[in-house]
Amino acid sequence: MLSFKERVSLLRRYEIDCYRICFYILDCEQLALIAAQHTLSQLIHEESFFQQDDAYRSIQTKYMSKKYALQTHFNHLAENKIAVNV
């Protein structure tokens, strides 16, 4: 089992790709940052992520980045809809 510091170090390899995917989907720096942070914070707690090879980690990072970018987008839309209706 890797220490927290080792996990962070390993995740740094995927940080840029994660942010780029989020930004591509969201086209907004602030939302992309939120989505990328959420993605990485989820990945750091997944033991299976660190037990796999680099190819698996790359695919998993892309999948999770897309998932949380879309989730962030829909959360942002929901928040703005509520703010507009108030």
PDB file of N, CA and C in Angstrom:
ATOM      1  N   MET A   1       0.847  -1.180   0.000  1.00  0.00           N
ATOM      2  CA  MET A   1       0.000   0.000   0.000  1.00  0.00           C
ATOM      3  C   MET A   1       0.894   1.246   0.000  1.00  0.00           C
ATOM      4  N   LEU A   2       0.558   2.172  -0.862  1.00  0.00           N
ATOM      5  CA  LEU A   2       1.339   3.402  -0.978  1.00  0.00           C
ATOM      6  C   LEU A   2       0.947   4.408   0.097  1.00  0.00           C
ATOM      7  N   SER A   3       1.900   5.194   0.498  1.00  0.00           N
ATOM      8  CA  SER A   3       1.608   6.277   1.441  1.00  0.00           C
ATOM      9  C   SER A   3       0.869   7.389   0.701  1.00  0.00           C
ATOM     10  N   PHE A   4       0.286   8.291   1.472  1.00  0.00           N
ATOM     11  CA  PHE A   4      -0.437   9.412   0.877  1.00  0.00           C
ATOM     12  C   PHE A   4       0.487  10.226  -0.022  1.00  0.00           C
ATOM     13  N   LYS A   5       1.702  10.468   0.431  1.00  0.00           N
ATOM     14  CA  LYS A   5       2.686  11.248  -0.330  1.00  0.00           C
ATOM     15  C   LYS A   5       3.015  10.551  -1.659  1.00  0.00           C
ATOM     16  N   GLU A   6       3.149   9.227  -1.643  1.00  0.00           N
ATOM     17  CA  GLU A   6       3.431   8.473  -2.862  1.00  0.00           C
ATOM     18  C   GLU A   6       2.245   8.511  -3.828  1.00  0.00           C
ATOM     19  N   ARG A   7       1.043   8.458  -3.269  1.00  0.00           N
ATOM     20  CA  ARG A   7      -0.162   8.558  -4.112  1.00  0.00           C
ATOM     21  C   ARG A   7      -0.236   9.911  -4.810  1.00  0.00           C
ATOM     22  N   VAL A   8       0.032  10.965  -4.057  1.00  0.00           N
ATOM     23  CA  VAL A   8       0.018  12.313  -4.631  1.00  0.00           C
ATOM     24  C   VAL A   8       1.054  12.415  -5.744  1.00  0.00           C
ATOM     25  N   SER A   9       2.217  11.896  -5.496  1.00  0.00           N
ATOM     26  CA  SER A   9       3.293  11.926  -6.487  1.00  0.00           C
ATOM     27  C   SER A   9       2.882  11.195  -7.764  1.00  0.00           C
ATOM     28  N   LEU A  10       2.253  10.053  -7.615  1.00  0.00           N
ATOM     29  CA  LEU A  10       1.809   9.283  -8.776  1.00  0.00           C
ATOM     30  C   LEU A  10       0.672   9.992  -9.517  1.00  0.00           C
ATOM     31  N   LEU A  11      -0.237  10.597  -8.779  1.00  0.00           N
ATOM     32  CA  LEU A  11      -1.353  11.308  -9.410  1.00  0.00           C
ATOM     33  C   LEU A  11      -0.894  12.523 -10.205  1.00  0.00           C
ATOM     34  N   ARG A  12       0.228  13.111  -9.831  1.00  0.00           N
ATOM     35  CA  ARG A  12       0.728  14.279 -10.558  1.00  0.00           C
ATOM     36  C   ARG A  12       1.000  13.962 -12.029  1.00  0.00           C
ATOM     37  N   ARG A  13       1.254  12.705 -12.336  1.00  0.00           N
ATOM     38  CA  ARG A  13       1.462  12.296 -13.732  1.00  0.00           C
ATOM     39  C   ARG A  13       0.206  12.482 -14.572  1.00  0.00           C
ATOM     40  N   TYR A  14      -0.942  12.434 -13.924  1.00  0.00           N
ATOM     41  CA  TYR A  14      -2.217  12.467 -14.638  1.00  0.00           C
ATOM     42  C   TYR A  14      -2.955  13.796 -14.479  1.00  0.00           C
ATOM     43  N   GLU A  15      -2.402  14.668 -13.682  1.00  0.00           N
ATOM     44  CA  GLU A  15      -3.043  15.937 -13.349  1.00  0.00           C
ATOM     45  C   GLU A  15      -3.324  16.809 -14.581  1.00  0.00           C
ATOM     46  N   ILE A  16      -2.371  16.957 -15.447  1.00  0.00           N
ATOM     47  CA  ILE A  16      -2.528  17.824 -16.617  1.00  0.00           C
ATOM     48  C   ILE A  16      -3.563  17.251 -17.581  1.00  0.00           C
ATOM     49  N   ASP A  17      -3.486  15.960 -17.858  1.00  0.00           N
ATOM     50  CA  ASP A  17      -4.478  15.343 -18.744  1.00  0.00           C
ATOM     51  C   ASP A  17      -5.876  15.475 -18.162  1.00  0.00           C
ATOM     52  N   CYS A  18      -5.988  15.291 -16.870  1.00  0.00           N
ATOM     53  CA  CYS A  18      -7.273  15.416 -16.194  1.00  0.00           C
ATOM     54  C   CYS A  18      -7.846  16.822 -16.396  1.00  0.00           C
ATOM     55  N   TYR A  19      -7.051  17.829 -16.137  1.00  0.00           N
ATOM     56  CA  TYR A  19      -7.514  19.211 -16.298  1.00  0.00           C
ATOM     57  C   TYR A  19      -7.857  19.510 -17.751  1.00  0.00           C
ATOM     58  N   ARG A  20      -7.045  19.053 -18.684  1.00  0.00           N
ATOM     59  CA  ARG A  20      -7.301  19.312 -20.109  1.00  0.00           C
ATOM     60  C   ARG A  20      -8.625  18.721 -20.559  1.00  0.00           C
ATOM     61  N   ILE A  21      -8.915  17.520 -20.117  1.00  0.00           N
ATOM     62  CA  ILE A  21     -10.187  16.883 -20.475  1.00  0.00           C
ATOM     63  C   ILE A  21     -11.344  17.683 -19.887  1.00  0.00           C
ATOM     64  N   CYS A  22     -11.225  18.041 -18.632  1.00  0.00           N
ATOM     65  CA  CYS A  22     -12.284  18.817 -17.981  1.00  0.00           C
ATOM     66  C   CYS A  22     -12.484  20.159 -18.673  1.00  0.00           C
ATOM     67  N   PHE A  23     -11.394  20.812 -19.013  1.00  0.00           N
ATOM     68  CA  PHE A  23     -11.513  22.107 -19.680  1.00  0.00           C
ATOM     69  C   PHE A  23     -12.118  21.962 -21.075  1.00  0.00           C
ATOM     70  N   TYR A  24     -11.746  20.922 -21.791  1.00  0.00           N
ATOM     71  CA  TYR A  24     -12.288  20.691 -23.131  1.00  0.00           C
ATOM     72  C   TYR A  24     -13.807  20.531 -23.065  1.00  0.00           C
ATOM     73  N   ILE A  25     -14.275  19.794 -22.079  1.00  0.00           N
ATOM     74  CA  ILE A  25     -15.713  19.551 -21.948  1.00  0.00           C
ATOM     75  C   ILE A  25     -16.439  20.790 -21.447  1.00  0.00           C
ATOM     76  N   LEU A  26     -15.868  21.469 -20.475  1.00  0.00           N
ATOM     77  CA  LEU A  26     -16.565  22.573 -19.810  1.00  0.00           C
ATOM     78  C   LEU A  26     -16.317  23.942 -20.438  1.00  0.00           C
ATOM     79  N   ASP A  27     -15.188  24.105 -21.088  1.00  0.00           N
ATOM     80  CA  ASP A  27     -14.809  25.384 -21.697  1.00  0.00           C
ATOM     81  C   ASP A  27     -14.901  26.541 -20.701  1.00  0.00           C
ATOM     82  N   CYS A  28     -14.476  26.255 -19.478  1.00  0.00           N
ATOM     83  CA  CYS A  28     -14.496  27.262 -18.413  1.00  0.00           C
ATOM     84  C   CYS A  28     -13.414  26.881 -17.411  1.00  0.00           C
ATOM     85  N   GLU A  29     -12.474  27.778 -17.195  1.00  0.00           N
ATOM     86  CA  GLU A  29     -11.355  27.490 -16.297  1.00  0.00           C
ATOM     87  C   GLU A  29     -11.809  27.127 -14.887  1.00  0.00           C
ATOM     88  N   GLN A  30     -12.699  27.928 -14.345  1.00  0.00           N
ATOM     89  CA  GLN A  30     -13.147  27.733 -12.971  1.00  0.00           C
ATOM     90  C   GLN A  30     -13.841  26.374 -12.808  1.00  0.00           C
ATOM     91  N   LEU A  31     -14.737  26.031 -13.720  1.00  0.00           N
ATOM     92  CA  LEU A  31     -15.441  24.757 -13.628  1.00  0.00           C
ATOM     93  C   LEU A  31     -14.504  23.582 -13.896  1.00  0.00           C
ATOM     94  N   ALA A  32     -13.573  23.762 -14.827  1.00  0.00           N
ATOM     95  CA  ALA A  32     -12.605  22.695 -15.117  1.00  0.00           C
ATOM     96  C   ALA A  32     -11.735  22.411 -13.903  1.00  0.00           C
ATOM     97  N   LEU A  33     -11.354  23.448 -13.200  1.00  0.00           N
ATOM     98  CA  LEU A  33     -10.553  23.274 -11.991  1.00  0.00           C
ATOM     99  C   LEU A  33     -11.336  22.506 -10.927  1.00  0.00           C
ATOM    100  N   ILE A  34     -12.595  22.844 -10.754  1.00  0.00           N
ATOM    101  CA  ILE A  34     -13.443  22.144  -9.786  1.00  0.00           C
ATOM    102  C   ILE A  34     -13.574  20.670 -10.158  1.00  0.00           C
ATOM    103  N   ALA A  35     -13.843  20.403 -11.424  1.00  0.00           N
ATOM    104  CA  ALA A  35     -14.011  19.024 -11.889  1.00  0.00           C
ATOM    105  C   ALA A  35     -12.714  18.233 -11.755  1.00  0.00           C
ATOM    106  N   ALA A  36     -11.595  18.841 -12.112  1.00  0.00           N
ATOM    107  CA  ALA A  36     -10.311  18.151 -12.018  1.00  0.00           C
ATOM    108  C   ALA A  36      -9.950  17.867 -10.560  1.00  0.00           C
ATOM    109  N   GLN A  37     -10.190  18.820  -9.683  1.00  0.00           N
ATOM    110  CA  GLN A  37      -9.920  18.601  -8.263  1.00  0.00           C
ATOM    111  C   GLN A  37     -10.779  17.467  -7.715  1.00  0.00           C
ATOM    112  N   HIS A  38     -12.036  17.450  -8.103  1.00  0.00           N
ATOM    113  CA  HIS A  38     -12.932  16.391  -7.640  1.00  0.00           C
ATOM    114  C   HIS A  38     -12.466  15.031  -8.164  1.00  0.00           C
ATOM    115  N   THR A  39     -12.076  14.983  -9.419  1.00  0.00           N
ATOM    116  CA  THR A  39     -11.586  13.745 -10.018  1.00  0.00           C
ATOM    117  C   THR A  39     -10.374  13.225  -9.258  1.00  0.00           C
ATOM    118  N   LEU A  40      -9.399  14.077  -9.059  1.00  0.00           N
ATOM    119  CA  LEU A  40      -8.169  13.655  -8.393  1.00  0.00           C
ATOM    120  C   LEU A  40      -8.406  13.291  -6.932  1.00  0.00           C
ATOM    121  N   SER A  41      -9.320  13.999  -6.283  1.00  0.00           N
ATOM    122  CA  SER A  41      -9.607  13.662  -4.889  1.00  0.00           C
ATOM    123  C   SER A  41     -10.314  12.311  -4.780  1.00  0.00           C
ATOM    124  N   GLN A  42     -11.079  11.943  -5.789  1.00  0.00           N
ATOM    125  CA  GLN A  42     -11.706  10.622  -5.798  1.00  0.00           C
ATOM    126  C   GLN A  42     -10.679   9.536  -6.094  1.00  0.00           C
ATOM    127  N   LEU A  43      -9.830   9.806  -7.059  1.00  0.00           N
ATOM    128  CA  LEU A  43      -8.826   8.810  -7.445  1.00  0.00           C
ATOM    129  C   LEU A  43      -7.834   8.508  -6.325  1.00  0.00           C
ATOM    130  N   ILE A  44      -7.488   9.496  -5.547  1.00  0.00           N
ATOM    131  CA  ILE A  44      -6.479   9.282  -4.505  1.00  0.00           C
ATOM    132  C   ILE A  44      -6.952   8.284  -3.449  1.00  0.00           C
ATOM    133  N   HIS A  45      -8.258   8.120  -3.336  1.00  0.00           N
ATOM    134  CA  HIS A  45      -8.813   7.200  -2.344  1.00  0.00           C
ATOM    135  C   HIS A  45      -9.145   5.824  -2.914  1.00  0.00           C
ATOM    136  N   GLU A  46      -8.912   5.619  -4.198  1.00  0.00           N
ATOM    137  CA  GLU A  46      -9.198   4.328  -4.827  1.00  0.00           C
ATOM    138  C   GLU A  46      -7.943   3.456  -4.832  1.00  0.00           C
ATOM    139  N   GLU A  47      -7.919   2.495  -3.976  1.00  0.00           N
ATOM    140  CA  GLU A  47      -6.769   1.601  -3.852  1.00  0.00           C
ATOM    141  C   GLU A  47      -6.490   0.883  -5.171  1.00  0.00           C
ATOM    142  N   SER A  48      -7.529   0.466  -5.864  1.00  0.00           N
ATOM    143  CA  SER A  48      -7.352  -0.285  -7.116  1.00  0.00           C
ATOM    144  C   SER A  48      -6.628   0.544  -8.180  1.00  0.00           C
ATOM    145  N   PHE A  49      -6.816   1.849  -8.148  1.00  0.00           N
ATOM    146  CA  PHE A  49      -6.154   2.735  -9.102  1.00  0.00           C
ATOM    147  C   PHE A  49      -4.637   2.592  -8.997  1.00  0.00           C
ATOM    148  N   PHE A  50      -4.130   2.488  -7.805  1.00  0.00           N
ATOM    149  CA  PHE A  50      -2.684   2.443  -7.566  1.00  0.00           C
ATOM    150  C   PHE A  50      -2.105   1.044  -7.706  1.00  0.00           C
ATOM    151  N   GLN A  51      -2.951   0.050  -7.761  1.00  0.00           N
ATOM    152  CA  GLN A  51      -2.487  -1.325  -7.908  1.00  0.00           C
ATOM    153  C   GLN A  51      -2.376  -1.752  -9.366  1.00  0.00           C
ATOM    154  N   GLN A  52      -2.853  -0.921 -10.276  1.00  0.00           N
ATOM    155  CA  GLN A  52      -2.855  -1.253 -11.695  1.00  0.00           C
ATOM    156  C   GLN A  52      -1.660  -0.634 -12.410  1.00  0.00           C
ATOM    157  N   ASP A  53      -1.529  -0.990 -13.686  1.00  0.00           N
ATOM    158  CA  ASP A  53      -0.437  -0.451 -14.495  1.00  0.00           C
ATOM    159  C   ASP A  53      -0.775   0.938 -15.030  1.00  0.00           C
ATOM    160  N   ASP A  54       0.187   1.552 -15.681  1.00  0.00           N
ATOM    161  CA  ASP A  54       0.042   2.920 -16.176  1.00  0.00           C
ATOM    162  C   ASP A  54      -1.081   3.051 -17.207  1.00  0.00           C
ATOM    163  N   ALA A  55      -1.236   2.066 -18.065  1.00  0.00           N
ATOM    164  CA  ALA A  55      -2.295   2.116 -19.087  1.00  0.00           C
ATOM    165  C   ALA A  55      -3.670   2.153 -18.435  1.00  0.00           C
ATOM    166  N   TYR A  56      -3.875   1.316 -17.432  1.00  0.00           N
ATOM    167  CA  TYR A  56      -5.154   1.306 -16.715  1.00  0.00           C
ATOM    168  C   TYR A  56      -5.393   2.652 -16.030  1.00  0.00           C
ATOM    169  N   ARG A  57      -4.365   3.169 -15.359  1.00  0.00           N
ATOM    170  CA  ARG A  57      -4.509   4.447 -14.646  1.00  0.00           C
ATOM    171  C   ARG A  57      -4.845   5.584 -15.611  1.00  0.00           C
ATOM    172  N   SER A  58      -4.253   5.549 -16.787  1.00  0.00           N
ATOM    173  CA  SER A  58      -4.540   6.571 -17.785  1.00  0.00           C
ATOM    174  C   SER A  58      -5.999   6.498 -18.236  1.00  0.00           C
ATOM    175  N   ILE A  59      -6.462   5.305 -18.525  1.00  0.00           N
ATOM    176  CA  ILE A  59      -7.861   5.121 -18.950  1.00  0.00           C
ATOM    177  C   ILE A  59      -8.818   5.522 -17.834  1.00  0.00           C
ATOM    178  N   GLN A  60      -8.517   5.107 -16.629  1.00  0.00           N
ATOM    179  CA  GLN A  60      -9.373   5.431 -15.482  1.00  0.00           C
ATOM    180  C   GLN A  60      -9.417   6.937 -15.236  1.00  0.00           C
ATOM    181  N   THR A  61      -8.283   7.593 -15.380  1.00  0.00           N
ATOM    182  CA  THR A  61      -8.238   9.047 -15.201  1.00  0.00           C
ATOM    183  C   THR A  61      -9.099   9.741 -16.247  1.00  0.00           C
ATOM    184  N   LYS A  62      -9.011   9.309 -17.477  1.00  0.00           N
ATOM    185  CA  LYS A  62      -9.825   9.905 -18.544  1.00  0.00           C
ATOM    186  C   LYS A  62     -11.312   9.690 -18.283  1.00  0.00           C
ATOM    187  N   TYR A  63     -11.661   8.476 -17.900  1.00  0.00           N
ATOM    188  CA  TYR A  63     -13.064   8.160 -17.619  1.00  0.00           C
ATOM    189  C   TYR A  63     -13.603   9.030 -16.482  1.00  0.00           C
ATOM    190  N   MET A  64     -12.855   9.085 -15.393  1.00  0.00           N
ATOM    191  CA  MET A  64     -13.299   9.851 -14.229  1.00  0.00           C
ATOM    192  C   MET A  64     -13.331  11.357 -14.533  1.00  0.00           C
ATOM    193  N   SER A  65     -12.393  11.838 -15.321  1.00  0.00           N
ATOM    194  CA  SER A  65     -12.381  13.258 -15.692  1.00  0.00           C
ATOM    195  C   SER A  65     -13.634  13.619 -16.471  1.00  0.00           C
ATOM    196  N   LYS A  66     -14.005  12.779 -17.407  1.00  0.00           N
ATOM    197  CA  LYS A  66     -15.223  13.013 -18.187  1.00  0.00           C
ATOM    198  C   LYS A  66     -16.454  12.972 -17.286  1.00  0.00           C
ATOM    199  N   LYS A  67     -16.492  11.986 -16.429  1.00  0.00           N
ATOM    200  CA  LYS A  67     -17.628  11.810 -15.522  1.00  0.00           C
ATOM    201  C   LYS A  67     -17.819  13.043 -14.635  1.00  0.00           C
ATOM    202  N   TYR A  68     -16.750  13.496 -14.005  1.00  0.00           N
ATOM    203  CA  TYR A  68     -16.874  14.626 -13.084  1.00  0.00           C
ATOM    204  C   TYR A  68     -17.004  15.968 -13.807  1.00  0.00           C
ATOM    205  N   ALA A  69     -16.498  16.061 -15.021  1.00  0.00           N
ATOM    206  CA  ALA A  69     -16.723  17.280 -15.807  1.00  0.00           C
ATOM    207  C   ALA A  69     -18.209  17.413 -16.129  1.00  0.00           C
ATOM    208  N   LEU A  70     -18.820  16.320 -16.544  1.00  0.00           N
ATOM    209  CA  LEU A  70     -20.259  16.360 -16.841  1.00  0.00           C
ATOM    210  C   LEU A  70     -21.073  16.613 -15.578  1.00  0.00           C
ATOM    211  N   GLN A  71     -20.677  15.984 -14.494  1.00  0.00           N
ATOM    212  CA  GLN A  71     -21.377  16.194 -13.232  1.00  0.00           C
ATOM    213  C   GLN A  71     -21.264  17.657 -12.792  1.00  0.00           C
ATOM    214  N   THR A  72     -20.091  18.226 -12.936  1.00  0.00           N
ATOM    215  CA  THR A  72     -19.878  19.631 -12.587  1.00  0.00           C
ATOM    216  C   THR A  72     -20.728  20.536 -13.476  1.00  0.00           C
ATOM    217  N   HIS A  73     -20.792  20.209 -14.748  1.00  0.00           N
ATOM    218  CA  HIS A  73     -21.607  20.996 -15.684  1.00  0.00           C
ATOM    219  C   HIS A  73     -23.081  20.990 -15.259  1.00  0.00           C
ATOM    220  N   PHE A  74     -23.615  19.817 -14.961  1.00  0.00           N
ATOM    221  CA  PHE A  74     -25.018  19.729 -14.576  1.00  0.00           C
ATOM    222  C   PHE A  74     -25.276  20.377 -13.220  1.00  0.00           C
ATOM    223  N   ASN A  75     -24.338  20.261 -12.301  1.00  0.00           N
ATOM    224  CA  ASN A  75     -24.480  20.948 -11.016  1.00  0.00           C
ATOM    225  C   ASN A  75     -24.499  22.460 -11.208  1.00  0.00           C
ATOM    226  N   HIS A  76     -23.630  22.938 -12.088  1.00  0.00           N
ATOM    227  CA  HIS A  76     -23.572  24.376 -12.378  1.00  0.00           C
ATOM    228  C   HIS A  76     -24.882  24.853 -13.012  1.00  0.00           C
ATOM    229  N   LEU A  77     -25.416  24.064 -13.936  1.00  0.00           N
ATOM    230  CA  LEU A  77     -26.696  24.424 -14.549  1.00  0.00           C
ATOM    231  C   LEU A  77     -27.812  24.456 -13.517  1.00  0.00           C
ATOM    232  N   ALA A  78     -27.835  23.482 -12.641  1.00  0.00           N
ATOM    233  CA  ALA A  78     -28.871  23.418 -11.609  1.00  0.00           C
ATOM    234  C   ALA A  78     -28.772  24.606 -10.654  1.00  0.00           C
ATOM    235  N   GLU A  79     -27.559  24.962 -10.272  1.00  0.00           N
ATOM    236  CA  GLU A  79     -27.363  26.100  -9.369  1.00  0.00           C
ATOM    237  C   GLU A  79     -27.809  27.398 -10.035  1.00  0.00           C
ATOM    238  N   ASN A  80     -27.504  27.562 -11.307  1.00  0.00           N
ATOM    239  CA  ASN A  80     -27.886  28.778 -12.012  1.00  0.00           C
ATOM    240  C   ASN A  80     -29.374  28.846 -12.269  1.00  0.00           C
ATOM    241  N   LYS A  81     -29.996  27.714 -12.479  1.00  0.00           N
ATOM    242  CA  LYS A  81     -31.453  27.689 -12.682  1.00  0.00           C
ATOM    243  C   LYS A  81     -32.159  28.129 -11.410  1.00  0.00           C
ATOM    244  N   ILE A  82     -31.676  27.639 -10.274  1.00  0.00           N
ATOM    245  CA  ILE A  82     -32.263  28.020  -8.984  1.00  0.00           C
ATOM    246  C   ILE A  82     -32.061  29.510  -8.745  1.00  0.00           C
ATOM    247  N   ALA A  83     -30.868  30.011  -9.060  1.00  0.00           N
ATOM    248  CA  ALA A  83     -30.578  31.424  -8.829  1.00  0.00           C
ATOM    249  C   ALA A  83     -31.435  32.319  -9.719  1.00  0.00           C
ATOM    250  N   VAL A  84     -31.726  31.874 -10.941  1.00  0.00           N
ATOM    251  CA  VAL A  84     -32.532  32.654 -11.879  1.00  0.00           C
ATOM    252  C   VAL A  84     -33.984  32.665 -11.446  1.00  0.00           C
ATOM    253  N   ASN A  85     -34.466  31.555 -10.908  1.00  0.00           N
ATOM    254  CA  ASN A  85     -35.870  31.440 -10.533  1.00  0.00           C
ATOM    255  C   ASN A  85     -36.196  32.122  -9.220  1.00  0.00           C
ATOM    256  N   VAL A  86     -35.198  32.476  -8.434  1.00  0.00           N
ATOM    257  CA  VAL A  86     -35.451  33.081  -7.124  1.00  0.00           C
ATOM    258  C   VAL A  86     -35.757  34.525  -7.243  1.00  0.00           C
TER     259      VAL A  86
END
